[in-house]
Amino acid sequence: MAEVEVKDSGKGGKKGQQKKMKIHVDFTPMVDMNMLLITFFMFCTTLSKPQTMEISMPTNDKVTEEEQNKVKESEAITILLGDNDRVFYYLGQPKYEDYTSLVESSYGADGLRALLLERNKTVVNKVKDLKERKKRKEIDEVTFDSLVTEAKKTKGSPVVMIKAKLADENGKNGASYRNLIDALDEMIICDIGRYAIVDITEGDLFLIENYEKKGALSDQIDTALKN
């Protein structure tokens, strides 16, 4: 606020003589407002920072066919993201002749999450224990992160491959970006340590189509499709 002080000599000065005025401007409210604005913009900047997500992509290391099959049979879960927010999965290697080997699921808690939590319960329990230790301040943040990383490497934990159906030439059908994000969210929630986004194959599309037709295409399986 601005304050005006008028000085009067009290001696009854000459008529028409201008009185002296001293003006004092209080900048305190302005400083307070500036601090509020600075705090507000700092907060908004923090919120606008992009969030990163670690995604395990396929390795370039050569793996024998026997090792690949062993992993697929015992640990692999393949998730297929289809049209209209539909999601499917199969365990191990695909069984093209058996349409019931493909299971339709959902993005809800009783869908993919229930499956992944069950298949990854050993790791989930380890991470849960580590969170309790961190809560009791038995371990610090750095140690916690390191131990969680090691826990996710537990032998026998699932390897998840996420395959999204692409839109057609008209830009219609296919999985949405939201579907992919939802699937990746489940990897984080369920403490999946090994997962990758992989291109969908003709065999995967056949599985979906055969499932929708209740196995009507099983008799038309081409030998090349199995390979």
C-alpha atoms as a PDB file:
ATOM      1  CA  MET A   1       0.000   0.000   0.000  1.00  0.00           C
ATOM      2  CA  ALA A   2       1.103   3.583  -0.552  1.00  0.00           C
ATOM      3  CA  GLU A   3       1.104   6.006   2.349  1.00  0.00           C
ATOM      4  CA  VAL A   4       1.138   9.751   2.008  1.00  0.00           C
ATOM      5  CA  GLU A   5       2.493  11.874   4.828  1.00  0.00           C
ATOM      6  CA  VAL A   6       1.730  15.577   4.770  1.00  0.00           C
ATOM      7  CA  LYS A   7       4.147  17.801   6.645  1.00  0.00           C
ATOM      8  CA  ASP A   8       2.776  20.992   8.094  1.00  0.00           C
ATOM      9  CA  SER A   9       5.146  23.393   9.834  1.00  0.00           C
ATOM     10  CA  GLY A  10       2.306  24.580  12.032  1.00  0.00           C
ATOM     11  CA  LYS A  11       3.382  28.192  11.657  1.00  0.00           C
ATOM     12  CA  GLY A  12       0.543  29.164   9.463  1.00  0.00           C
ATOM     13  CA  GLY A  13       2.609  29.481   6.355  1.00  0.00           C
ATOM     14  CA  LYS A  14       1.964  31.870   3.602  1.00  0.00           C
ATOM     15  CA  LYS A  15      -1.272  31.615   1.712  1.00  0.00           C
ATOM     16  CA  GLY A  16      -0.925  29.412  -1.333  1.00  0.00           C
ATOM     17  CA  GLN A  17       2.315  27.858  -0.131  1.00  0.00           C
ATOM     18  CA  GLN A  18       2.554  24.181  -1.231  1.00  0.00           C
ATOM     19  CA  LYS A  19       2.696  21.665   1.586  1.00  0.00           C
ATOM     20  CA  LYS A  20       5.463  19.057   1.532  1.00  0.00           C
ATOM     21  CA  MET A  21       4.326  15.437   1.042  1.00  0.00           C
ATOM     22  CA  LYS A  22       6.364  12.295   1.655  1.00  0.00           C
ATOM     23  CA  ILE A  23       5.171   9.189  -0.240  1.00  0.00           C
ATOM     24  CA  HIS A  24       6.036   5.696   1.021  1.00  0.00           C
ATOM     25  CA  VAL A  25       5.117   2.618  -1.054  1.00  0.00           C
ATOM     26  CA  ASP A  26       4.873  -0.741   0.760  1.00  0.00           C
ATOM     27  CA  PHE A  27       6.016  -3.526  -1.633  1.00  0.00           C
ATOM     28  CA  THR A  28       5.428  -6.362   0.837  1.00  0.00           C
ATOM     29  CA  PRO A  29       2.127  -7.552  -0.762  1.00  0.00           C
ATOM     30  CA  MET A  30       3.801  -7.562  -4.187  1.00  0.00           C
ATOM     31  CA  VAL A  31       6.689  -9.692  -2.904  1.00  0.00           C
ATOM     32  CA  ASP A  32       4.226 -12.150  -1.370  1.00  0.00           C
ATOM     33  CA  MET A  33       2.344 -12.394  -4.659  1.00  0.00           C
ATOM     34  CA  ASN A  34       5.573 -12.988  -6.595  1.00  0.00           C
ATOM     35  CA  MET A  35       6.536 -15.795  -4.234  1.00  0.00           C
ATOM     36  CA  LEU A  36       3.135 -17.412  -4.709  1.00  0.00           C
ATOM     37  CA  LEU A  37       3.470 -17.205  -8.494  1.00  0.00           C
ATOM     38  CA  ILE A  38       6.995 -18.654  -8.425  1.00  0.00           C
ATOM     39  CA  THR A  39       5.835 -21.531  -6.213  1.00  0.00           C
ATOM     40  CA  PHE A  40       2.844 -22.161  -8.493  1.00  0.00           C
ATOM     41  CA  PHE A  41       4.932 -22.315 -11.678  1.00  0.00           C
ATOM     42  CA  MET A  42       7.540 -24.549 -10.031  1.00  0.00           C
ATOM     43  CA  PHE A  43       4.756 -26.934  -9.011  1.00  0.00           C
ATOM     44  CA  CYS A  44       3.273 -26.928 -12.525  1.00  0.00           C
ATOM     45  CA  THR A  45       6.705 -27.578 -14.049  1.00  0.00           C
ATOM     46  CA  THR A  46       7.193 -30.588 -11.780  1.00  0.00           C
ATOM     47  CA  LEU A  47       3.814 -32.020 -12.801  1.00  0.00           C
ATOM     48  CA  SER A  48       4.547 -31.519 -16.495  1.00  0.00           C
ATOM     49  CA  LYS A  49       7.807 -33.488 -16.452  1.00  0.00           C
ATOM     50  CA  PRO A  50       7.477 -36.592 -18.662  1.00  0.00           C
ATOM     51  CA  GLN A  51       7.255 -39.869 -16.779  1.00  0.00           C
ATOM     52  CA  THR A  52       9.427 -42.688 -18.054  1.00  0.00           C
ATOM     53  CA  MET A  53       8.701 -46.378 -18.122  1.00  0.00           C
ATOM     54  CA  GLU A  54      11.313 -49.075 -18.498  1.00  0.00           C
ATOM     55  CA  ILE A  55      10.442 -51.549 -21.237  1.00  0.00           C
ATOM     56  CA  SER A  56      12.418 -54.724 -21.777  1.00  0.00           C
ATOM     57  CA  MET A  57      12.941 -55.127 -25.501  1.00  0.00           C
ATOM     58  CA  PRO A  58      14.134 -58.337 -27.197  1.00  0.00           C
ATOM     59  CA  THR A  59      17.830 -59.069 -26.758  1.00  0.00           C
ATOM     60  CA  ASN A  60      20.226 -59.468 -29.678  1.00  0.00           C
ATOM     61  CA  ASP A  61      21.916 -62.423 -27.996  1.00  0.00           C
ATOM     62  CA  LYS A  62      21.584 -65.693 -29.894  1.00  0.00           C
ATOM     63  CA  VAL A  63      19.561 -68.317 -28.085  1.00  0.00           C
ATOM     64  CA  THR A  64      19.241 -71.921 -29.201  1.00  0.00           C
ATOM     65  CA  GLU A  65      15.861 -73.199 -30.364  1.00  0.00           C
ATOM     66  CA  GLU A  66      15.862 -75.698 -27.503  1.00  0.00           C
ATOM     67  CA  GLU A  67      16.314 -72.885 -24.971  1.00  0.00           C
ATOM     68  CA  GLN A  68      13.557 -70.845 -26.620  1.00  0.00           C
ATOM     69  CA  ASN A  69      11.122 -73.750 -26.479  1.00  0.00           C
ATOM     70  CA  LYS A  70      12.023 -74.450 -22.864  1.00  0.00           C
ATOM     71  CA  VAL A  71      11.250 -70.856 -21.911  1.00  0.00           C
ATOM     72  CA  LYS A  72       8.007 -70.835 -23.883  1.00  0.00           C
ATOM     73  CA  GLU A  73       6.753 -74.022 -22.307  1.00  0.00           C
ATOM     74  CA  SER A  74       7.499 -73.195 -18.687  1.00  0.00           C
ATOM     75  CA  GLU A  75       7.456 -69.423 -18.336  1.00  0.00           C
ATOM     76  CA  ALA A  76       6.096 -67.630 -21.396  1.00  0.00           C
ATOM     77  CA  ILE A  77       2.814 -65.759 -21.438  1.00  0.00           C
ATOM     78  CA  THR A  78       1.813 -64.160 -24.729  1.00  0.00           C
ATOM     79  CA  ILE A  79      -0.745 -61.351 -24.558  1.00  0.00           C
ATOM     80  CA  LEU A  80      -2.587 -60.405 -27.741  1.00  0.00           C
ATOM     81  CA  LEU A  81      -4.255 -56.992 -27.903  1.00  0.00           C
ATOM     82  CA  GLY A  82      -7.154 -57.162 -30.348  1.00  0.00           C
ATOM     83  CA  ASP A  83      -9.963 -55.023 -31.754  1.00  0.00           C
ATOM     84  CA  ASN A  84     -12.492 -53.131 -29.655  1.00  0.00           C
ATOM     85  CA  ASP A  85     -10.491 -53.282 -26.398  1.00  0.00           C
ATOM     86  CA  ARG A  86     -10.423 -57.082 -26.440  1.00  0.00           C
ATOM     87  CA  VAL A  87      -7.422 -58.893 -25.011  1.00  0.00           C
ATOM     88  CA  PHE A  88      -6.363 -62.550 -25.232  1.00  0.00           C
ATOM     89  CA  TYR A  89      -3.498 -64.651 -23.945  1.00  0.00           C
ATOM     90  CA  TYR A  90      -1.986 -68.110 -24.288  1.00  0.00           C
ATOM     91  CA  LEU A  91       0.601 -69.939 -22.218  1.00  0.00           C
ATOM     92  CA  GLY A  92       3.747 -71.508 -23.623  1.00  0.00           C
ATOM     93  CA  GLN A  93       3.738 -72.281 -27.326  1.00  0.00           C
ATOM     94  CA  PRO A  94       0.666 -71.546 -29.459  1.00  0.00           C
ATOM     95  CA  LYS A  95      -1.582 -74.513 -30.201  1.00  0.00           C
ATOM     96  CA  TYR A  96      -3.110 -73.661 -33.557  1.00  0.00           C
ATOM     97  CA  GLU A  97      -5.218 -76.804 -33.730  1.00  0.00           C
ATOM     98  CA  ASP A  98      -6.876 -76.109 -30.355  1.00  0.00           C
ATOM     99  CA  TYR A  99      -8.798 -72.829 -30.332  1.00  0.00           C
ATOM    100  CA  THR A 100      -9.497 -73.180 -26.600  1.00  0.00           C
ATOM    101  CA  SER A 101      -5.783 -72.703 -25.868  1.00  0.00           C
ATOM    102  CA  LEU A 102      -6.377 -69.005 -26.493  1.00  0.00           C
ATOM    103  CA  VAL A 103      -8.146 -67.385 -23.542  1.00  0.00           C
ATOM    104  CA  GLU A 104     -10.056 -64.125 -23.728  1.00  0.00           C
ATOM    105  CA  SER A 105      -9.408 -61.911 -20.727  1.00  0.00           C
ATOM    106  CA  SER A 106      -9.872 -58.261 -19.722  1.00  0.00           C
ATOM    107  CA  TYR A 107      -7.863 -55.285 -18.506  1.00  0.00           C
ATOM    108  CA  GLY A 108      -9.614 -55.385 -15.135  1.00  0.00           C
ATOM    109  CA  ALA A 109      -8.349 -56.668 -11.797  1.00  0.00           C
ATOM    110  CA  ASP A 110      -9.985 -60.044 -12.387  1.00  0.00           C
ATOM    111  CA  GLY A 111      -8.460 -60.369 -15.861  1.00  0.00           C
ATOM    112  CA  LEU A 112      -4.807 -59.995 -16.794  1.00  0.00           C
ATOM    113  CA  ARG A 113      -3.882 -58.874 -13.303  1.00  0.00           C
ATOM    114  CA  ALA A 114      -5.272 -61.988 -11.652  1.00  0.00           C
ATOM    115  CA  LEU A 115      -3.386 -64.166 -14.142  1.00  0.00           C
ATOM    116  CA  LEU A 116      -0.068 -62.346 -13.734  1.00  0.00           C
ATOM    117  CA  LEU A 117      -0.252 -62.162  -9.944  1.00  0.00           C
ATOM    118  CA  GLU A 118      -0.861 -65.896  -9.771  1.00  0.00           C
ATOM    119  CA  ARG A 119       1.936 -66.788 -12.201  1.00  0.00           C
ATOM    120  CA  ASN A 120       4.346 -64.347 -10.548  1.00  0.00           C
ATOM    121  CA  LYS A 121       3.373 -64.834  -6.896  1.00  0.00           C
ATOM    122  CA  THR A 122       6.910 -65.728  -5.767  1.00  0.00           C
ATOM    123  CA  VAL A 123       8.263 -62.391  -6.964  1.00  0.00           C
ATOM    124  CA  VAL A 124       5.176 -60.508  -5.767  1.00  0.00           C
ATOM    125  CA  ASN A 125       5.646 -61.879  -2.243  1.00  0.00           C
ATOM    126  CA  LYS A 126       9.344 -60.978  -2.255  1.00  0.00           C
ATOM    127  CA  VAL A 127       8.607 -57.411  -3.330  1.00  0.00           C
ATOM    128  CA  LYS A 128       5.851 -57.153  -0.731  1.00  0.00           C
ATOM    129  CA  ASP A 129       8.305 -58.155   2.008  1.00  0.00           C
ATOM    130  CA  LEU A 130      10.837 -55.612   0.744  1.00  0.00           C
ATOM    131  CA  LYS A 131       8.211 -52.868   0.866  1.00  0.00           C
ATOM    132  CA  GLU A 132       7.497 -53.750   4.494  1.00  0.00           C
ATOM    133  CA  ARG A 133      11.206 -53.602   5.314  1.00  0.00           C
ATOM    134  CA  LYS A 134      11.470 -50.234   3.633  1.00  0.00           C
ATOM    135  CA  LYS A 135       8.422 -49.002   5.535  1.00  0.00           C
ATOM    136  CA  ARG A 136      10.098 -50.034   8.806  1.00  0.00           C
ATOM    137  CA  LYS A 137      13.216 -48.169   7.606  1.00  0.00           C
ATOM    138  CA  GLU A 138      15.310 -51.329   7.681  1.00  0.00           C
ATOM    139  CA  ILE A 139      16.561 -50.555   4.166  1.00  0.00           C
ATOM    140  CA  ASP A 140      16.980 -47.297   2.268  1.00  0.00           C
ATOM    141  CA  GLU A 141      15.607 -46.394  -1.166  1.00  0.00           C
ATOM    142  CA  VAL A 142      18.734 -47.394  -3.080  1.00  0.00           C
ATOM    143  CA  THR A 143      18.961 -50.787  -1.385  1.00  0.00           C
ATOM    144  CA  PHE A 144      15.239 -51.343  -1.896  1.00  0.00           C
ATOM    145  CA  ASP A 145      15.465 -50.668  -5.644  1.00  0.00           C
ATOM    146  CA  SER A 146      18.460 -52.983  -5.973  1.00  0.00           C
ATOM    147  CA  LEU A 147      16.781 -55.829  -4.087  1.00  0.00           C
ATOM    148  CA  VAL A 148      13.561 -55.439  -6.091  1.00  0.00           C
ATOM    149  CA  THR A 149      15.543 -55.684  -9.325  1.00  0.00           C
ATOM    150  CA  GLU A 150      17.159 -58.887  -8.104  1.00  0.00           C
ATOM    151  CA  ALA A 151      13.823 -60.297  -6.933  1.00  0.00           C
ATOM    152  CA  LYS A 152      12.357 -59.816 -10.408  1.00  0.00           C
ATOM    153  CA  LYS A 153      15.098 -62.052 -11.809  1.00  0.00           C
ATOM    154  CA  THR A 154      13.887 -64.994  -9.739  1.00  0.00           C
ATOM    155  CA  LYS A 155      14.215 -68.244 -11.664  1.00  0.00           C
ATOM    156  CA  GLY A 156      10.902 -69.453 -12.998  1.00  0.00           C
ATOM    157  CA  SER A 157       9.268 -66.022 -13.053  1.00  0.00           C
ATOM    158  CA  PRO A 158       7.141 -65.423 -16.162  1.00  0.00           C
ATOM    159  CA  VAL A 159       8.352 -63.932 -19.416  1.00  0.00           C
ATOM    160  CA  VAL A 160       5.562 -61.869 -20.973  1.00  0.00           C
ATOM    161  CA  MET A 161       5.331 -60.951 -24.650  1.00  0.00           C
ATOM    162  CA  ILE A 162       2.853 -58.233 -25.588  1.00  0.00           C
ATOM    163  CA  LYS A 163       1.615 -58.213 -29.176  1.00  0.00           C
ATOM    164  CA  ALA A 164      -0.777 -55.577 -30.476  1.00  0.00           C
ATOM    165  CA  LYS A 165      -2.962 -56.014 -33.539  1.00  0.00           C
ATOM    166  CA  LEU A 166      -2.348 -53.152 -35.963  1.00  0.00           C
ATOM    167  CA  ALA A 167      -5.084 -51.067 -37.544  1.00  0.00           C
ATOM    168  CA  ASP A 168      -6.128 -51.905 -41.104  1.00  0.00           C
ATOM    169  CA  GLU A 169      -5.281 -49.800 -44.165  1.00  0.00           C
ATOM    170  CA  ASN A 170      -8.217 -47.525 -43.389  1.00  0.00           C
ATOM    171  CA  GLY A 171      -6.957 -46.876 -39.898  1.00  0.00           C
ATOM    172  CA  LYS A 172      -9.782 -48.845 -38.329  1.00  0.00           C
ATOM    173  CA  ASN A 173      -9.876 -51.801 -35.950  1.00  0.00           C
ATOM    174  CA  GLY A 174      -6.710 -52.929 -34.222  1.00  0.00           C
ATOM    175  CA  ALA A 175      -5.583 -52.316 -30.655  1.00  0.00           C
ATOM    176  CA  SER A 176      -5.476 -48.772 -29.339  1.00  0.00           C
ATOM    177  CA  TYR A 177      -2.585 -46.943 -27.718  1.00  0.00           C
ATOM    178  CA  ARG A 178      -4.604 -46.995 -24.502  1.00  0.00           C
ATOM    179  CA  ASN A 179      -4.725 -50.800 -24.670  1.00  0.00           C
ATOM    180  CA  LEU A 180      -0.934 -50.972 -24.861  1.00  0.00           C
ATOM    181  CA  ILE A 181      -0.516 -48.587 -21.926  1.00  0.00           C
ATOM    182  CA  ASP A 182      -2.999 -50.611 -19.857  1.00  0.00           C
ATOM    183  CA  ALA A 183      -1.087 -53.814 -20.595  1.00  0.00           C
ATOM    184  CA  LEU A 184       2.214 -52.187 -19.613  1.00  0.00           C
ATOM    185  CA  ASP A 185       0.627 -50.878 -16.410  1.00  0.00           C
ATOM    186  CA  GLU A 186      -0.194 -54.457 -15.452  1.00  0.00           C
ATOM    187  CA  MET A 187       3.476 -55.400 -15.872  1.00  0.00           C
ATOM    188  CA  ILE A 188       4.403 -52.771 -13.279  1.00  0.00           C
ATOM    189  CA  ILE A 189       1.557 -53.584 -10.894  1.00  0.00           C
ATOM    190  CA  CYS A 190       2.330 -57.311 -10.995  1.00  0.00           C
ATOM    191  CA  ASP A 191       6.118 -56.872 -10.634  1.00  0.00           C
ATOM    192  CA  ILE A 192       6.860 -58.570 -13.952  1.00  0.00           C
ATOM    193  CA  GLY A 193      10.613 -58.318 -14.463  1.00  0.00           C
ATOM    194  CA  ARG A 194      10.829 -59.687 -18.007  1.00  0.00           C
ATOM    195  CA  TYR A 195       8.453 -58.447 -20.654  1.00  0.00           C
ATOM    196  CA  ALA A 196       8.707 -57.149 -24.198  1.00  0.00           C
ATOM    197  CA  ILE A 197       6.603 -55.576 -26.930  1.00  0.00           C
ATOM    198  CA  VAL A 198       6.804 -57.902 -29.934  1.00  0.00           C
ATOM    199  CA  ASP A 199       5.336 -57.676 -33.442  1.00  0.00           C
ATOM    200  CA  ILE A 200       2.173 -59.697 -33.856  1.00  0.00           C
ATOM    201  CA  THR A 201       2.446 -62.608 -36.319  1.00  0.00           C
ATOM    202  CA  GLU A 202       0.111 -64.213 -38.834  1.00  0.00           C
ATOM    203  CA  GLY A 203      -0.098 -67.168 -36.478  1.00  0.00           C
ATOM    204  CA  ASP A 204      -1.330 -64.919 -33.673  1.00  0.00           C
ATOM    205  CA  LEU A 205      -3.985 -63.393 -35.917  1.00  0.00           C
ATOM    206  CA  PHE A 206      -5.046 -66.909 -36.917  1.00  0.00           C
ATOM    207  CA  LEU A 207      -5.462 -67.835 -33.255  1.00  0.00           C
ATOM    208  CA  ILE A 208      -7.786 -64.888 -32.691  1.00  0.00           C
ATOM    209  CA  GLU A 209      -9.834 -65.563 -35.814  1.00  0.00           C
ATOM    210  CA  ASN A 210     -10.079 -69.284 -35.061  1.00  0.00           C
ATOM    211  CA  TYR A 211     -11.150 -68.485 -31.495  1.00  0.00           C
ATOM    212  CA  GLU A 212     -13.910 -66.193 -32.747  1.00  0.00           C
ATOM    213  CA  LYS A 213     -15.101 -68.925 -35.136  1.00  0.00           C
ATOM    214  CA  LYS A 214     -15.044 -71.568 -32.401  1.00  0.00           C
ATOM    215  CA  GLY A 215     -12.323 -73.633 -34.054  1.00  0.00           C
ATOM    216  CA  ALA A 216     -13.863 -73.710 -37.522  1.00  0.00           C
ATOM    217  CA  LEU A 217     -10.475 -72.912 -39.084  1.00  0.00           C
ATOM    218  CA  SER A 218      -8.578 -75.710 -37.361  1.00  0.00           C
ATOM    219  CA  ASP A 219      -8.967 -78.022 -40.340  1.00  0.00           C
ATOM    220  CA  GLN A 220      -7.462 -75.397 -42.636  1.00  0.00           C
ATOM    221  CA  ILE A 221      -4.170 -75.060 -40.782  1.00  0.00           C
ATOM    222  CA  ASP A 222      -1.250 -74.830 -43.167  1.00  0.00           C
ATOM    223  CA  THR A 223       1.946 -76.579 -42.167  1.00  0.00           C
ATOM    224  CA  ALA A 224       3.923 -73.400 -42.739  1.00  0.00           C
ATOM    225  CA  LEU A 225       1.740 -71.544 -40.242  1.00  0.00           C
ATOM    226  CA  LYS A 226       2.901 -73.816 -37.441  1.00  0.00           C
ATOM    227  CA  ASN A 227       6.545 -72.987 -38.052  1.00  0.00           C
END
